[in-house]
Amino acid sequence: MFRQRNENKLSCRILLGGWVFLLLGSNTLFFQAISYPLKNMTPKSEKKASDAIVVASAGVHGSGAPTPGSTLRAHTAGKLYLEGQAPLVIITGGVTKPYFPPVNIKGMAIILQGMGVPSHDIIIENRSADTYSNGVETSKILNRLELKSVLLVSHDYHLFRLVSVFKKLGIESYAFSANQSYPKTSIPWWRYFDWANFNRIQTIFHEYFGLLSYKFSGLI
């Protein structure tokens, strides 16, 4: 009897814990709360005329197509180029497994060309596989072309680390967020629960880990 009660209590606790996990993991307000400190560190977006626009890749689907994040960043970089913010776009960040050559980078270049960016004004840097090597490999291109300043394009949660890396490497860097903020409008309460928040929260924790590891290792 006593054992049965303990088993029932344990089952209830597991069930309750599961519901709490689902409610928090899918909750937009929880996502906004844990991402706020990170986004608060994000450099202010500014359309600063530079020698080159550098856009960081945000991954690839299993099909090889750019993820929505990569697509959004490519569109943002294309708009900045067409506005005359820089005469060159450098796409940085390769995915070598299971695709070679990295198809997500090619996909971003195709998006840029579709927007009207000439192919001769697009450079693909596909040797890097993380934020620090983004900076290292891009700096080699900048040095070769004798370029000094860059306008960095990424999502707001990633920009602080990206800009910090480039500045650590001695590159004059400015930031522009691909996901600009818009005026908030009221939404129904049930819209605050979105399964996509699980992936978003995972991305935010990955960025926190990246920041801490880069800081302790002296990369930023």
Protein backbone atom coordinates (compact mmCIF):
# COMPACT_ATOMS: atom_id res chain seq x y z
CA MET A 1 0.00 0.00 0.00
CA PHE A 2 2.74 2.42 1.02
CA ARG A 3 4.79 1.47 -2.04
CA GLN A 4 1.79 2.02 -4.30
CA ARG A 5 1.29 5.53 -2.90
CA ASN A 6 4.94 6.40 -3.50
CA GLU A 7 4.70 5.15 -7.06
CA ASN A 8 1.58 7.25 -7.61
CA LYS A 9 3.29 10.34 -6.18
CA LEU A 10 6.30 9.77 -8.42
CA SER A 11 4.06 9.38 -11.46
CA CYS A 12 2.23 12.60 -10.60
CA ARG A 13 5.52 14.46 -10.19
CA ILE A 14 6.81 13.19 -13.51
CA LEU A 15 3.54 14.14 -15.20
CA LEU A 16 3.58 17.58 -13.58
CA GLY A 17 7.22 18.09 -14.52
CA GLY A 18 6.42 17.14 -18.09
CA TRP A 19 3.60 19.68 -18.28
CA VAL A 20 5.80 22.40 -16.79
CA PHE A 21 8.52 21.58 -19.31
CA LEU A 22 6.06 21.76 -22.20
CA LEU A 23 4.47 24.99 -20.98
CA LEU A 24 7.80 26.74 -20.43
CA GLY A 25 9.49 25.36 -23.52
CA SER A 26 6.68 26.46 -25.82
CA ASN A 27 5.95 29.75 -24.07
CA THR A 28 6.86 32.91 -25.97
CA LEU A 29 7.11 34.97 -22.77
CA PHE A 30 9.62 32.51 -21.30
CA PHE A 31 11.65 32.65 -24.51
CA GLN A 32 11.61 36.45 -24.43
CA ALA A 33 12.69 36.45 -20.78
CA ILE A 34 15.74 34.21 -21.25
CA SER A 35 16.78 35.92 -24.48
CA TYR A 36 16.41 39.48 -23.15
CA PRO A 37 19.88 39.75 -21.50
CA LEU A 38 21.50 38.45 -24.67
CA LYS A 39 19.57 40.76 -26.97
CA ASN A 40 20.20 43.67 -24.60
CA MET A 41 23.93 43.29 -25.32
CA THR A 42 23.34 43.44 -29.07
CA PRO A 43 25.06 46.41 -30.73
CA LYS A 44 22.67 48.97 -32.15
CA SER A 45 21.86 48.32 -35.79
CA GLU A 46 23.14 51.08 -38.03
CA LYS A 47 23.31 51.49 -41.78
CA LYS A 48 26.96 52.45 -41.90
CA ALA A 49 28.70 52.76 -45.26
CA SER A 50 31.50 50.17 -45.22
CA ASP A 51 33.99 48.46 -47.49
CA ALA A 52 32.01 45.21 -47.39
CA ILE A 53 28.83 43.64 -46.05
CA VAL A 54 29.58 40.39 -44.22
CA VAL A 55 26.59 38.09 -43.73
CA ALA A 56 26.86 35.02 -41.50
CA SER A 57 25.19 31.79 -42.56
CA ALA A 58 22.53 30.32 -40.25
CA GLY A 59 22.55 26.72 -41.39
CA VAL A 60 20.97 24.44 -43.95
CA HIS A 61 17.97 22.11 -44.17
CA GLY A 62 18.34 18.41 -44.77
CA SER A 63 17.36 19.06 -48.37
CA GLY A 64 20.31 21.42 -48.74
CA ALA A 65 18.16 24.56 -48.93
CA PRO A 66 19.03 27.55 -46.72
CA THR A 67 17.16 27.70 -43.42
CA PRO A 68 14.70 30.57 -42.83
CA GLY A 69 17.45 32.23 -40.78
CA SER A 70 19.95 32.06 -43.63
CA THR A 71 17.30 33.28 -46.06
CA LEU A 72 16.41 36.26 -43.86
CA ARG A 73 20.06 37.21 -43.41
CA ALA A 74 20.68 36.97 -47.17
CA HIS A 75 17.67 39.20 -47.90
CA THR A 76 18.88 41.75 -45.35
CA ALA A 77 22.39 41.80 -46.82
CA GLY A 78 20.94 42.17 -50.31
CA LYS A 79 18.84 45.16 -49.29
CA LEU A 80 21.84 46.85 -47.68
CA TYR A 81 23.90 46.29 -50.84
CA LEU A 82 21.15 47.69 -53.07
CA GLU A 83 20.91 50.73 -50.79
CA GLY A 84 24.59 51.38 -51.45
CA GLN A 85 25.93 50.60 -47.97
CA ALA A 86 28.86 48.62 -49.44
CA PRO A 87 30.10 47.56 -52.89
CA LEU A 88 30.69 43.94 -51.89
CA VAL A 89 28.90 41.12 -50.02
CA ILE A 90 30.89 38.38 -48.30
CA ILE A 91 28.94 35.29 -47.24
CA THR A 92 30.72 33.52 -44.40
CA GLY A 93 30.20 30.11 -42.81
CA GLY A 94 30.44 26.69 -44.39
CA VAL A 95 28.64 23.43 -43.75
CA THR A 96 30.90 20.57 -44.79
CA LYS A 97 28.82 17.62 -43.57
CA PRO A 98 26.95 16.00 -45.18
CA TYR A 99 27.18 18.50 -48.03
CA PHE A 100 30.32 19.35 -49.92
CA PRO A 101 30.67 21.94 -51.27
CA PRO A 102 28.47 23.75 -48.72
CA VAL A 103 25.12 24.13 -50.43
CA ASN A 104 23.65 26.60 -47.94
CA ILE A 105 26.27 29.17 -48.89
CA LYS A 106 25.45 28.72 -52.56
CA GLY A 107 21.78 29.08 -51.72
CA MET A 108 22.41 32.42 -50.03
CA ALA A 109 24.38 33.61 -53.07
CA ILE A 110 21.48 32.61 -55.32
CA ILE A 111 19.12 34.68 -53.16
CA LEU A 112 21.43 37.69 -53.43
CA GLN A 113 21.69 37.35 -57.20
CA GLY A 114 17.91 37.04 -57.44
CA MET A 115 17.63 40.38 -55.64
CA GLY A 116 19.91 42.02 -58.19
CA VAL A 117 23.34 41.72 -56.57
CA PRO A 118 25.87 40.97 -59.37
CA SER A 119 27.77 37.70 -58.96
CA HIS A 120 31.09 39.56 -59.22
CA ASP A 121 30.16 41.51 -56.08
CA ILE A 122 29.58 38.33 -54.04
CA ILE A 123 32.38 36.43 -52.32
CA ILE A 124 31.69 33.04 -50.74
CA GLU A 125 33.83 32.12 -47.72
CA ASN A 126 33.06 28.47 -46.95
CA ARG A 127 36.11 27.38 -44.96
CA SER A 128 34.78 28.47 -41.55
CA ALA A 129 32.43 26.42 -39.40
CA ASP A 130 31.94 28.63 -36.31
CA THR A 131 31.76 32.29 -35.38
CA TYR A 132 35.44 32.71 -34.56
CA SER A 133 36.60 31.09 -37.79
CA ASN A 134 34.05 33.30 -39.60
CA GLY A 135 36.15 36.22 -38.45
CA VAL A 136 39.52 34.61 -39.15
CA GLU A 137 38.70 33.46 -42.68
CA THR A 138 36.90 36.69 -43.57
CA SER A 139 39.84 38.76 -42.31
CA LYS A 140 42.08 36.93 -44.81
CA ILE A 141 39.78 38.07 -47.62
CA LEU A 142 39.68 41.62 -46.30
CA ASN A 143 43.47 41.78 -46.03
CA ARG A 144 43.91 40.44 -49.54
CA LEU A 145 41.53 43.05 -50.95
CA GLU A 146 42.86 45.79 -48.64
CA LEU A 147 39.43 46.41 -47.10
CA LYS A 148 39.17 47.95 -43.63
CA SER A 149 35.54 48.15 -42.52
CA VAL A 150 32.60 45.75 -42.54
CA LEU A 151 28.86 45.88 -41.91
CA LEU A 152 28.01 42.60 -40.16
CA VAL A 153 24.60 41.02 -40.75
CA SER A 154 23.17 38.33 -38.47
CA HIS A 155 20.34 37.82 -35.99
CA ASP A 156 20.29 40.06 -32.93
CA TYR A 157 21.13 37.25 -30.50
CA HIS A 158 24.30 36.43 -32.50
CA LEU A 159 25.56 39.92 -33.31
CA PHE A 160 27.30 40.63 -30.01
CA ARG A 161 29.58 37.60 -30.35
CA LEU A 162 30.09 38.16 -34.08
CA VAL A 163 31.02 41.84 -33.69
CA SER A 164 33.24 41.04 -30.69
CA VAL A 165 35.20 38.48 -32.73
CA PHE A 166 35.74 40.85 -35.65
CA LYS A 167 36.81 43.71 -33.39
CA LYS A 168 39.17 41.38 -31.52
CA LEU A 169 40.78 40.69 -34.88
CA GLY A 170 41.26 44.42 -35.42
CA ILE A 171 38.53 44.89 -38.02
CA GLU A 172 36.42 48.06 -38.00
CA SER A 173 32.96 46.56 -37.55
CA TYR A 174 29.36 47.73 -37.52
CA ALA A 175 26.24 45.66 -36.85
CA PHE A 176 22.90 45.26 -38.54
CA SER A 177 20.26 42.85 -37.27
CA ALA A 178 18.41 40.72 -39.79
CA ASN A 179 15.40 40.40 -37.48
CA GLN A 180 14.41 44.00 -36.85
CA SER A 181 11.92 44.74 -34.06
CA TYR A 182 8.43 45.89 -34.93
CA PRO A 183 5.77 47.67 -32.84
CA LYS A 184 4.11 45.18 -30.52
CA THR A 185 0.44 44.36 -31.05
CA SER A 186 -1.88 42.47 -28.75
CA ILE A 187 -2.28 38.78 -29.57
CA PRO A 188 -4.61 36.09 -28.20
CA TRP A 189 -3.26 34.28 -25.14
CA TRP A 190 -3.05 30.95 -26.94
CA ARG A 191 -0.61 32.44 -29.45
CA TYR A 192 1.95 32.66 -26.65
CA PHE A 193 2.43 28.89 -26.92
CA ASP A 194 4.44 27.92 -29.98
CA TRP A 195 6.32 24.65 -30.47
CA ALA A 196 8.93 26.55 -32.49
CA ASN A 197 10.06 28.14 -29.22
CA PHE A 198 11.79 24.86 -28.28
CA ASN A 199 14.27 25.36 -31.13
CA ARG A 200 14.57 29.07 -30.39
CA ILE A 201 15.38 28.42 -26.73
CA GLN A 202 17.98 25.85 -27.76
CA THR A 203 19.56 28.47 -30.04
CA ILE A 204 19.66 31.04 -27.23
CA PHE A 205 21.34 28.60 -24.81
CA HIS A 206 23.84 27.71 -27.53
CA GLU A 207 24.67 31.40 -27.88
CA TYR A 208 25.12 31.85 -24.13
CA PHE A 209 27.47 28.87 -24.10
CA GLY A 210 29.35 30.28 -27.09
CA LEU A 211 29.77 33.66 -25.41
CA LEU A 212 31.09 32.16 -22.19
CA SER A 213 33.48 29.79 -23.93
CA TYR A 214 34.81 32.56 -26.20
CA LYS A 215 35.23 34.90 -23.24
CA PHE A 216 37.11 32.40 -21.08
CA SER A 217 39.31 31.30 -23.98
CA GLY A 218 40.21 34.90 -24.87
CA LEU A 219 38.65 34.85 -28.33
CA ILE A 220 36.63 37.99 -27.59
